[in-house]
PDB file of all heavy atoms in Angstrom:
ATOM      1  N   ASP A   1       0.817  -1.211   0.000  1.00  0.00           N
ATOM      2  CA  ASP A   1       0.000   0.000   0.000  1.00  0.00           C
ATOM      3  C   ASP A   1       0.853   1.265   0.000  1.00  0.00           C
ATOM      4  O   ASP A   1       0.376   2.333  -0.378  1.00  0.00           O
ATOM      5  CB  ASP A   1      -0.915   0.021   1.226  1.00  0.00           C
ATOM      6  CG  ASP A   1      -2.021  -1.003   1.099  1.00  0.00           C
ATOM      7  OD1 ASP A   1      -2.264  -1.442  -0.040  1.00  0.00           O
ATOM      8  OD2 ASP A   1      -2.608  -1.366   2.136  1.00  0.00           O
ATOM      9  N   GLU A   2       2.115   1.185   0.428  1.00  0.00           N
ATOM     10  CA  GLU A   2       2.926   2.375   0.500  1.00  0.00           C
ATOM     11  C   GLU A   2       3.701   2.611  -0.788  1.00  0.00           C
ATOM     12  O   GLU A   2       4.464   3.571  -0.895  1.00  0.00           O
ATOM     13  CB  GLU A   2       3.911   2.254   1.667  1.00  0.00           C
ATOM     14  CG  GLU A   2       3.214   2.166   3.024  1.00  0.00           C
ATOM     15  CD  GLU A   2       4.222   2.040   4.145  1.00  0.00           C
ATOM     16  OE1 GLU A   2       5.436   1.956   3.835  1.00  0.00           O
ATOM     17  OE2 GLU A   2       3.810   2.034   5.320  1.00  0.00           O
ATOM     18  N   THR A   3       3.521   1.729  -1.768  1.00  0.00           N
ATOM     19  CA  THR A   3       4.273   1.843  -3.017  1.00  0.00           C
ATOM     20  C   THR A   3       3.531   2.726  -4.002  1.00  0.00           C
ATOM     21  O   THR A   3       2.324   2.636  -4.140  1.00  0.00           O
ATOM     22  CB  THR A   3       4.503   0.458  -3.633  1.00  0.00           C
ATOM     23  OG1 THR A   3       5.128  -0.365  -2.650  1.00  0.00           O
ATOM     24  CG2 THR A   3       5.407   0.551  -4.843  1.00  0.00           C
ATOM     25  N   HIS A   4       4.267   3.564  -4.716  1.00  0.00           N
ATOM     26  CA  HIS A   4       3.694   4.442  -5.728  1.00  0.00           C
ATOM     27  C   HIS A   4       4.013   3.859  -7.106  1.00  0.00           C
ATOM     28  O   HIS A   4       5.172   3.659  -7.453  1.00  0.00           O
ATOM     29  CB  HIS A   4       4.303   5.837  -5.601  1.00  0.00           C
ATOM     30  CG  HIS A   4       3.751   6.816  -6.579  1.00  0.00           C
ATOM     31  ND1 HIS A   4       2.549   7.450  -6.407  1.00  0.00           N
ATOM     32  CD2 HIS A   4       4.247   7.264  -7.762  1.00  0.00           C
ATOM     33  CE1 HIS A   4       2.327   8.270  -7.421  1.00  0.00           C
ATOM     34  NE2 HIS A   4       3.345   8.155  -8.267  1.00  0.00           N
ATOM     35  N   PHE A   5       2.993   3.556  -7.893  1.00  0.00           N
ATOM     36  CA  PHE A   5       3.169   2.887  -9.176  1.00  0.00           C
ATOM     37  C   PHE A   5       2.898   3.837 -10.329  1.00  0.00           C
ATOM     38  O   PHE A   5       1.998   4.670 -10.264  1.00  0.00           O
ATOM     39  CB  PHE A   5       2.207   1.694  -9.310  1.00  0.00           C
ATOM     40  CG  PHE A   5       2.542   0.558  -8.369  1.00  0.00           C
ATOM     41  CD1 PHE A   5       1.767   0.322  -7.256  1.00  0.00           C
ATOM     42  CD2 PHE A   5       3.627  -0.256  -8.636  1.00  0.00           C
ATOM     43  CE1 PHE A   5       2.083  -0.712  -6.410  1.00  0.00           C
ATOM     44  CE2 PHE A   5       3.933  -1.292  -7.788  1.00  0.00           C
ATOM     45  CZ  PHE A   5       3.158  -1.525  -6.669  1.00  0.00           C
ATOM     46  N   VAL A   6       3.676   3.682 -11.374  1.00  0.00           N
ATOM     47  CA  VAL A   6       3.412   4.338 -12.646  1.00  0.00           C
ATOM     48  C   VAL A   6       3.083   3.253 -13.643  1.00  0.00           C
ATOM     49  O   VAL A   6       3.908   2.391 -13.921  1.00  0.00           O
ATOM     50  CB  VAL A   6       4.645   5.141 -13.125  1.00  0.00           C
ATOM     51  CG1 VAL A   6       4.368   5.758 -14.481  1.00  0.00           C
ATOM     52  CG2 VAL A   6       5.003   6.204 -12.108  1.00  0.00           C
ATOM     53  N   LEU A   7       1.881   3.268 -14.157  1.00  0.00           N
ATOM     54  CA  LEU A   7       1.469   2.209 -15.068  1.00  0.00           C
ATOM     55  C   LEU A   7       2.235   2.292 -16.375  1.00  0.00           C
ATOM     56  O   LEU A   7       2.407   3.382 -16.921  1.00  0.00           O
ATOM     57  CB  LEU A   7      -0.032   2.310 -15.353  1.00  0.00           C
ATOM     58  CG  LEU A   7      -0.943   2.058 -14.152  1.00  0.00           C
ATOM     59  CD1 LEU A   7      -2.397   2.174 -14.577  1.00  0.00           C
ATOM     60  CD2 LEU A   7      -0.685   0.705 -13.538  1.00  0.00           C
ATOM     61  N   PRO A   8       2.716   1.167 -16.915  1.00  0.00           N
ATOM     62  CA  PRO A   8       3.450   1.175 -18.185  1.00  0.00           C
ATOM     63  C   PRO A   8       2.582   1.664 -19.330  1.00  0.00           C
ATOM     64  O   PRO A   8       1.370   1.445 -19.355  1.00  0.00           O
ATOM     65  CB  PRO A   8       3.832  -0.299 -18.386  1.00  0.00           C
ATOM     66  CG  PRO A   8       3.716  -0.912 -17.021  1.00  0.00           C
ATOM     67  CD  PRO A   8       2.635  -0.167 -16.327  1.00  0.00           C
ATOM     68  N   VAL A   9       3.204   2.305 -20.305  1.00  0.00           N
ATOM     69  CA  VAL A   9       2.491   2.786 -21.481  1.00  0.00           C
ATOM     70  C   VAL A   9       1.969   1.598 -22.277  1.00  0.00           C
ATOM     71  O   VAL A   9       2.687   0.636 -22.519  1.00  0.00           O
ATOM     72  CB  VAL A   9       3.430   3.634 -22.369  1.00  0.00           C
ATOM     73  CG1 VAL A   9       2.706   4.064 -23.629  1.00  0.00           C
ATOM     74  CG2 VAL A   9       3.935   4.837 -21.590  1.00  0.00           C
ATOM     75  N   GLY A  10       0.722   1.654 -22.711  1.00  0.00           N
ATOM     76  CA  GLY A  10       0.131   0.577 -23.502  1.00  0.00           C
ATOM     77  C   GLY A  10      -0.722  -0.374 -22.697  1.00  0.00           C
ATOM     78  O   GLY A  10      -1.426  -1.200 -23.270  1.00  0.00           O
ATOM     79  N   PHE A  11      -0.684  -0.311 -21.368  1.00  0.00           N
ATOM     80  CA  PHE A  11      -1.522  -1.178 -20.542  1.00  0.00           C
ATOM     81  C   PHE A  11      -2.843  -0.480 -20.240  1.00  0.00           C
ATOM     82  O   PHE A  11      -2.869   0.688 -19.844  1.00  0.00           O
ATOM     83  CB  PHE A  11      -0.816  -1.529 -19.229  1.00  0.00           C
ATOM     84  CG  PHE A  11       0.237  -2.564 -19.385  1.00  0.00           C
ATOM     85  CD1 PHE A  11       1.536  -2.216 -19.728  1.00  0.00           C
ATOM     86  CD2 PHE A  11      -0.054  -3.907 -19.212  1.00  0.00           C
ATOM     87  CE1 PHE A  11       2.519  -3.163 -19.876  1.00  0.00           C
ATOM     88  CE2 PHE A  11       0.919  -4.860 -19.364  1.00  0.00           C
ATOM     89  CZ  PHE A  11       2.215  -4.488 -19.699  1.00  0.00           C
ATOM     90  N   ASN A  12      -3.907  -1.213 -20.432  1.00  0.00           N
ATOM     91  CA  ASN A  12      -5.246  -0.681 -20.217  1.00  0.00           C
ATOM     92  C   ASN A  12      -5.679  -1.006 -18.799  1.00  0.00           C
ATOM     93  O   ASN A  12      -5.876  -2.163 -18.456  1.00  0.00           O
ATOM     94  CB  ASN A  12      -6.210  -1.319 -21.225  1.00  0.00           C
ATOM     95  CG  ASN A  12      -7.595  -0.684 -21.162  1.00  0.00           C
ATOM     96  OD1 ASN A  12      -7.920   0.033 -20.221  1.00  0.00           O
ATOM     97  ND2 ASN A  12      -8.397  -0.951 -22.183  1.00  0.00           N
ATOM     98  N   PRO A  13      -5.841  -0.014 -17.929  1.00  0.00           N
ATOM     99  CA  PRO A  13      -6.188  -0.283 -16.530  1.00  0.00           C
ATOM    100  C   PRO A  13      -7.602  -0.800 -16.348  1.00  0.00           C
ATOM    101  O   PRO A  13      -7.951  -1.287 -15.281  1.00  0.00           O
ATOM    102  CB  PRO A  13      -6.000   1.083 -15.858  1.00  0.00           C
ATOM    103  CG  PRO A  13      -6.212   2.068 -16.952  1.00  0.00           C
ATOM    104  CD  PRO A  13      -5.675   1.426 -18.190  1.00  0.00           C
ATOM    105  N   LEU A  14      -8.462  -0.708 -17.376  1.00  0.00           N
ATOM    106  CA  LEU A  14      -9.842  -1.171 -17.229  1.00  0.00           C
ATOM    107  C   LEU A  14      -9.916  -2.688 -17.105  1.00  0.00           C
ATOM    108  O   LEU A  14     -10.698  -3.228 -16.337  1.00  0.00           O
ATOM    109  CB  LEU A  14     -10.683  -0.685 -18.412  1.00  0.00           C
ATOM    110  CG  LEU A  14     -10.816   0.835 -18.549  1.00  0.00           C
ATOM    111  CD1 LEU A  14     -11.627   1.172 -19.792  1.00  0.00           C
ATOM    112  CD2 LEU A  14     -11.479   1.420 -17.302  1.00  0.00           C
ATOM    113  N   ASN A  15      -9.129  -3.391 -17.893  1.00  0.00           N
ATOM    114  CA  ASN A  15      -9.161  -4.855 -17.798  1.00  0.00           C
ATOM    115  C   ASN A  15      -7.763  -5.444 -17.660  1.00  0.00           C
ATOM    116  O   ASN A  15      -7.589  -6.649 -17.715  1.00  0.00           O
ATOM    117  CB  ASN A  15      -9.862  -5.462 -19.027  1.00  0.00           C
ATOM    118  CG  ASN A  15      -9.282  -4.915 -20.315  1.00  0.00           C
ATOM    119  OD1 ASN A  15      -8.220  -4.306 -20.325  1.00  0.00           O
ATOM    120  ND2 ASN A  15      -9.988  -5.145 -21.405  1.00  0.00           N
ATOM    121  N   CYS A  16      -6.769  -4.574 -17.524  1.00  0.00           N
ATOM    122  CA  CYS A  16      -5.414  -4.999 -17.210  1.00  0.00           C
ATOM    123  C   CYS A  16      -4.858  -5.976 -18.225  1.00  0.00           C
ATOM    124  O   CYS A  16      -4.548  -7.109 -17.915  1.00  0.00           O
ATOM    125  CB  CYS A  16      -5.374  -5.615 -15.815  1.00  0.00           C
ATOM    126  SG  CYS A  16      -3.705  -5.694 -15.129  1.00  0.00           S
ATOM    127  N   HIS A  17      -4.739  -5.568 -19.471  1.00  0.00           N
ATOM    128  CA  HIS A  17      -4.078  -6.383 -20.478  1.00  0.00           C
ATOM    129  C   HIS A  17      -3.210  -5.470 -21.333  1.00  0.00           C
ATOM    130  O   HIS A  17      -3.277  -4.253 -21.229  1.00  0.00           O
ATOM    131  CB  HIS A  17      -5.087  -7.138 -21.342  1.00  0.00           C
ATOM    132  CG  HIS A  17      -5.910  -6.244 -22.222  1.00  0.00           C
ATOM    133  ND1 HIS A  17      -5.530  -5.875 -23.485  1.00  0.00           N
ATOM    134  CD2 HIS A  17      -7.102  -5.635 -21.991  1.00  0.00           C
ATOM    135  CE1 HIS A  17      -6.453  -5.087 -24.017  1.00  0.00           C
ATOM    136  NE2 HIS A  17      -7.411  -4.919 -23.139  1.00  0.00           N
ATOM    137  N   ALA A  18      -2.368  -6.080 -22.134  1.00  0.00           N
ATOM    138  CA  ALA A  18      -1.399  -5.313 -22.913  1.00  0.00           C
ATOM    139  C   ALA A  18      -1.783  -5.324 -24.377  1.00  0.00           C
ATOM    140  O   ALA A  18      -1.351  -6.186 -25.122  1.00  0.00           O
ATOM    141  CB  ALA A  18      -0.009  -5.893 -22.725  1.00  0.00           C
ATOM    142  N   PRO A  19      -2.589  -4.379 -24.853  1.00  0.00           N
ATOM    143  CA  PRO A  19      -3.043  -4.406 -26.238  1.00  0.00           C
ATOM    144  C   PRO A  19      -1.934  -4.146 -27.243  1.00  0.00           C
ATOM    145  O   PRO A  19      -2.056  -4.477 -28.397  1.00  0.00           O
ATOM    146  CB  PRO A  19      -4.095  -3.295 -26.281  1.00  0.00           C
ATOM    147  CG  PRO A  19      -3.712  -2.370 -25.178  1.00  0.00           C
ATOM    148  CD  PRO A  19      -3.138  -3.236 -24.107  1.00  0.00           C
ATOM    149  N   SER A  20      -0.829  -3.522 -26.823  1.00  0.00           N
ATOM    150  CA  SER A  20       0.243  -3.206 -27.758  1.00  0.00           C
ATOM    151  C   SER A  20       1.302  -4.295 -27.835  1.00  0.00           C
ATOM    152  O   SER A  20       2.252  -4.175 -28.589  1.00  0.00           O
ATOM    153  CB  SER A  20       0.919  -1.886 -27.355  1.00  0.00           C
ATOM    154  OG  SER A  20       1.509  -2.013 -26.072  1.00  0.00           O
ATOM    155  N   ASP A  21       1.176  -5.346 -27.047  1.00  0.00           N
ATOM    156  CA  ASP A  21       2.160  -6.415 -27.033  1.00  0.00           C
ATOM    157  C   ASP A  21       1.446  -7.743 -27.199  1.00  0.00           C
ATOM    158  O   ASP A  21       0.606  -8.115 -26.386  1.00  0.00           O
ATOM    159  CB  ASP A  21       2.940  -6.403 -25.711  1.00  0.00           C
ATOM    160  CG  ASP A  21       4.201  -7.225 -25.797  1.00  0.00           C
ATOM    161  OD1 ASP A  21       4.119  -8.367 -26.283  1.00  0.00           O
ATOM    162  OD2 ASP A  21       5.263  -6.734 -25.388  1.00  0.00           O
ATOM    163  N   GLU A  22       1.791  -8.470 -28.279  1.00  0.00           N
ATOM    164  CA  GLU A  22       1.078  -9.707 -28.595  1.00  0.00           C
ATOM    165  C   GLU A  22       1.519 -10.878 -27.747  1.00  0.00           C
ATOM    166  O   GLU A  22       0.829 -11.891 -27.663  1.00  0.00           O
ATOM    167  CB  GLU A  22       1.284 -10.065 -30.078  1.00  0.00           C
ATOM    168  CG  GLU A  22       0.783  -9.029 -31.063  1.00  0.00           C
ATOM    169  CD  GLU A  22       1.826  -7.967 -31.332  1.00  0.00           C
ATOM    170  OE1 GLU A  22       2.925  -8.032 -30.735  1.00  0.00           O
ATOM    171  OE2 GLU A  22       1.551  -7.061 -32.137  1.00  0.00           O
ATOM    172  N   ILE A  23       2.682 -10.782 -27.102  1.00  0.00           N
ATOM    173  CA  ILE A  23       3.223 -11.916 -26.366  1.00  0.00           C
ATOM    174  C   ILE A  23       2.869 -11.861 -24.894  1.00  0.00           C
ATOM    175  O   ILE A  23       2.585 -12.879 -24.277  1.00  0.00           O
ATOM    176  CB  ILE A  23       4.754 -11.968 -26.548  1.00  0.00           C
ATOM    177  CG1 ILE A  23       5.087 -12.223 -28.020  1.00  0.00           C
ATOM    178  CG2 ILE A  23       5.389 -13.045 -25.690  1.00  0.00           C
ATOM    179  CD1 ILE A  23       6.559 -12.251 -28.320  1.00  0.00           C
ATOM    180  N   SER A  24       2.860 -10.655 -24.306  1.00  0.00           N
ATOM    181  CA  SER A  24       2.699 -10.509 -22.860  1.00  0.00           C
ATOM    182  C   SER A  24       1.255 -10.267 -22.471  1.00  0.00           C
ATOM    183  O   SER A  24       0.401  -9.931 -23.291  1.00  0.00           O
ATOM    184  CB  SER A  24       3.578  -9.352 -22.358  1.00  0.00           C
ATOM    185  OG  SER A  24       4.914  -9.557 -22.709  1.00  0.00           O
ATOM    186  N   SER A  25       1.015 -10.448 -21.175  1.00  0.00           N
ATOM    187  CA  SER A  25      -0.274 -10.130 -20.574  1.00  0.00           C
ATOM    188  C   SER A  25      -0.009  -9.314 -19.316  1.00  0.00           C
ATOM    189  O   SER A  25       1.138  -8.997 -18.990  1.00  0.00           O
ATOM    190  CB  SER A  25      -1.050 -11.397 -20.227  1.00  0.00           C
ATOM    191  OG  SER A  25      -0.390 -12.116 -19.203  1.00  0.00           O
ATOM    192  N   CYS A  26      -1.066  -8.997 -18.596  1.00  0.00           N
ATOM    193  CA  CYS A  26      -0.896  -8.238 -17.363  1.00  0.00           C
ATOM    194  C   CYS A  26      -0.092  -9.019 -16.343  1.00  0.00           C
ATOM    195  O   CYS A  26       0.738  -8.466 -15.626  1.00  0.00           O
ATOM    196  CB  CYS A  26      -2.271  -7.900 -16.787  1.00  0.00           C
ATOM    197  SG  CYS A  26      -2.222  -7.112 -15.161  1.00  0.00           S
ATOM    198  N   LYS A  27      -0.261 -10.324 -16.316  1.00  0.00           N
ATOM    199  CA  LYS A  27       0.363 -11.141 -15.272  1.00  0.00           C
ATOM    200  C   LYS A  27       1.714 -11.711 -15.661  1.00  0.00           C
ATOM    201  O   LYS A  27       2.540 -11.975 -14.794  1.00  0.00           O
ATOM    202  CB  LYS A  27      -0.573 -12.285 -14.887  1.00  0.00           C
ATOM    203  CG  LYS A  27      -1.847 -11.844 -14.188  1.00  0.00           C
ATOM    204  CD  LYS A  27      -2.657 -13.043 -13.739  1.00  0.00           C
ATOM    205  CE  LYS A  27      -3.901 -12.621 -12.972  1.00  0.00           C
ATOM    206  NZ  LYS A  27      -4.680 -13.791 -12.497  1.00  0.00           N
ATOM    207  N   ALA A  28       1.938 -11.950 -16.947  1.00  0.00           N
ATOM    208  CA  ALA A  28       3.147 -12.684 -17.334  1.00  0.00           C
ATOM    209  C   ALA A  28       3.744 -12.133 -18.619  1.00  0.00           C
ATOM    210  O   ALA A  28       3.037 -11.585 -19.467  1.00  0.00           O
ATOM    211  CB  ALA A  28       2.827 -14.170 -17.510  1.00  0.00           C
ATOM    212  N   MET A  29       5.047 -12.287 -18.744  1.00  0.00           N
ATOM    213  CA  MET A  29       5.719 -11.888 -19.968  1.00  0.00           C
ATOM    214  C   MET A  29       5.270 -12.747 -21.138  1.00  0.00           C
ATOM    215  O   MET A  29       5.056 -12.255 -22.246  1.00  0.00           O
ATOM    216  CB  MET A  29       7.238 -11.997 -19.803  1.00  0.00           C
ATOM    217  CG  MET A  29       8.016 -11.607 -21.049  1.00  0.00           C
ATOM    218  SD  MET A  29       9.789 -11.871 -20.879  1.00  0.00           S
ATOM    219  CE  MET A  29      10.153 -10.713 -19.575  1.00  0.00           C
TER     220      MET A  29
END
């Protein structure tokens, strides 16, 4: 809770997936 996060560019916070990367997902490379 004390950590400050900057979300990576290209990740959609609504459903947490990587639309700009065909190989990776929110959870795994």
